[in-house]
Each structure stands twice: as C-alpha cells, then as structure tokens.
Protein backbone atom coordinates (compact mmCIF):
# COMPACT_ATOMS: atom_id res chain seq x y z
CA MET A 1 -5.12 72.14 55.62
CA PHE A 2 -7.24 69.11 54.63
CA PRO A 3 -7.38 66.82 57.68
CA GLU A 4 -9.30 64.15 55.77
CA ILE A 5 -6.31 63.72 53.43
CA GLN A 6 -3.43 62.09 55.25
CA TRP A 7 -0.64 60.87 53.00
CA THR A 8 2.05 58.54 54.21
CA GLU A 9 5.68 59.46 53.65
CA GLU A 10 5.76 56.76 50.97
CA GLN A 11 2.80 58.34 49.15
CA LYS A 12 4.42 61.78 49.35
CA GLY A 13 7.66 60.39 47.98
CA GLN A 14 5.86 58.64 45.12
CA TRP A 15 3.96 61.82 44.25
CA LYS A 16 7.18 63.86 44.20
CA ALA A 17 8.95 61.24 42.06
CA GLU A 18 6.08 61.15 39.55
CA ARG A 19 6.04 64.92 39.38
CA GLU A 20 9.80 65.08 38.80
CA GLU A 21 9.64 62.39 36.10
CA PHE A 22 6.89 64.36 34.33
CA ARG A 23 8.94 67.57 34.50
CA LYS A 24 11.97 65.78 33.05
CA ARG A 25 9.94 64.49 30.08
CA CYS A 26 8.79 68.03 29.38
CA GLN A 27 12.30 69.42 29.92
CA VAL A 28 13.64 67.23 27.09
CA ILE A 29 11.17 68.80 24.66
CA PHE A 30 11.85 72.29 25.99
CA ASP A 31 15.63 71.87 25.67
CA ARG A 32 15.22 70.72 22.06
CA VAL A 33 13.20 73.75 20.90
CA LYS A 34 14.52 76.44 23.26
CA PRO A 35 17.49 77.64 21.14
CA SER A 36 15.35 78.57 18.14
CA LEU A 37 12.48 79.96 20.22
CA MET A 38 14.76 82.18 22.31
CA GLN A 39 15.67 84.10 19.18
CA THR A 40 12.08 84.80 18.16
CA HIS A 41 9.98 84.48 21.35
CA TYR A 42 12.24 85.49 24.24
CA ASN A 43 10.37 85.64 27.59
CA TRP A 44 7.20 84.22 26.06
CA TYR A 45 5.75 80.97 27.44
CA ILE A 46 5.74 77.44 26.11
CA THR A 47 3.17 74.93 27.32
CA ILE A 48 4.12 71.33 26.60
CA GLU A 49 1.94 68.23 26.27
CA PRO A 50 4.62 65.53 26.64
CA LEU A 51 2.73 62.48 25.35
CA SER A 52 2.32 64.01 21.89
CA GLY A 53 5.40 66.21 22.06
CA GLU A 54 3.28 69.12 20.93
CA TYR A 55 3.88 72.54 22.41
CA PHE A 56 2.07 75.86 22.40
CA VAL A 57 3.87 79.22 22.42
CA ASN A 58 2.14 82.36 23.63
CA LYS A 59 2.94 85.73 25.23
CA ASP A 60 0.48 84.90 28.00
CA ASP A 61 1.05 81.74 30.06
CA MET A 62 -2.63 81.19 30.79
CA HIS A 63 -3.72 81.63 27.18
CA GLY A 64 -1.15 79.10 25.96
CA ALA A 65 -2.33 76.59 28.56
CA GLN A 66 -5.97 77.24 27.59
CA ILE A 67 -5.22 76.48 23.94
CA ALA A 68 -3.39 73.30 24.94
CA HIS A 69 -6.28 72.18 27.16
CA GLU A 70 -8.74 72.75 24.33
CA LYS A 71 -6.75 70.39 22.13
CA TYR A 72 -5.85 67.93 24.92
CA PRO A 73 -8.67 68.05 27.50
CA GLY A 74 -7.67 66.52 30.82
CA ALA A 75 -4.00 66.22 29.84
CA LYS A 76 -1.20 67.12 32.22
CA LEU A 77 0.73 70.07 30.86
CA TYR A 78 3.91 71.85 31.85
CA THR A 79 4.71 75.51 31.18
CA PHE A 80 8.18 77.00 30.89
CA ARG A 81 9.25 80.55 30.20
CA ILE A 82 11.37 80.86 27.08
CA ASN A 83 14.58 82.20 28.58
CA GLU A 84 17.89 80.88 29.89
CA THR A 85 16.38 79.20 32.96
CA GLY A 86 12.86 78.29 31.79
CA VAL A 87 11.49 79.51 35.12
CA CYS A 88 8.12 81.27 35.26
CA GLY A 89 7.26 83.93 37.83
CA THR A 90 9.29 85.87 40.35
CA ILE A 91 10.66 85.20 43.79
C-alpha cells in the first residue's frame, strides 16, 4: 500500500508487542471499573487514557474519544465497549 514504508519483521514484531502491551495496560483499568459500569452503562463506550488512569464514558464511541483528546491532546487512547467482552463493532 505504501511502498516507501518497508518494515522489517523485527520492526513489525516490536510494533505488535508495543500495541499489545498498551492494550493490556488499558485492560487492567477496564476490568477494574467494568462491573459497576455494566449495571449503569451497558453497551456504552469507555475510552481510557492509561497514563493517568482516567476514563471517559459515553453512549457514542467517537464523542467519548473526542472528550478524552481534548483533555489529553496527543495521548494514545483505547476504547472498549461496556459489555461482557469489551469488544466494539461487529464482525
């Protein structure tokens, strides 16, 4: 797709590992707050900023992320759906 960008297998592996480590940090926060949020905000979205531990709950996934980006510009965020799996979207 982008011929000027050619990653080595090592670079791809490092990128995947960093991404997985980031998801795991966010998962810890999600798992901590999920039980109480499932009772009041089932199928809403939670956007997590893992460095601060702060999270943003909203019915709309994009709006929650927008609010988080306003408070933490340039930060990496992770969004889960507040349900049993935490998965957003459909297959």
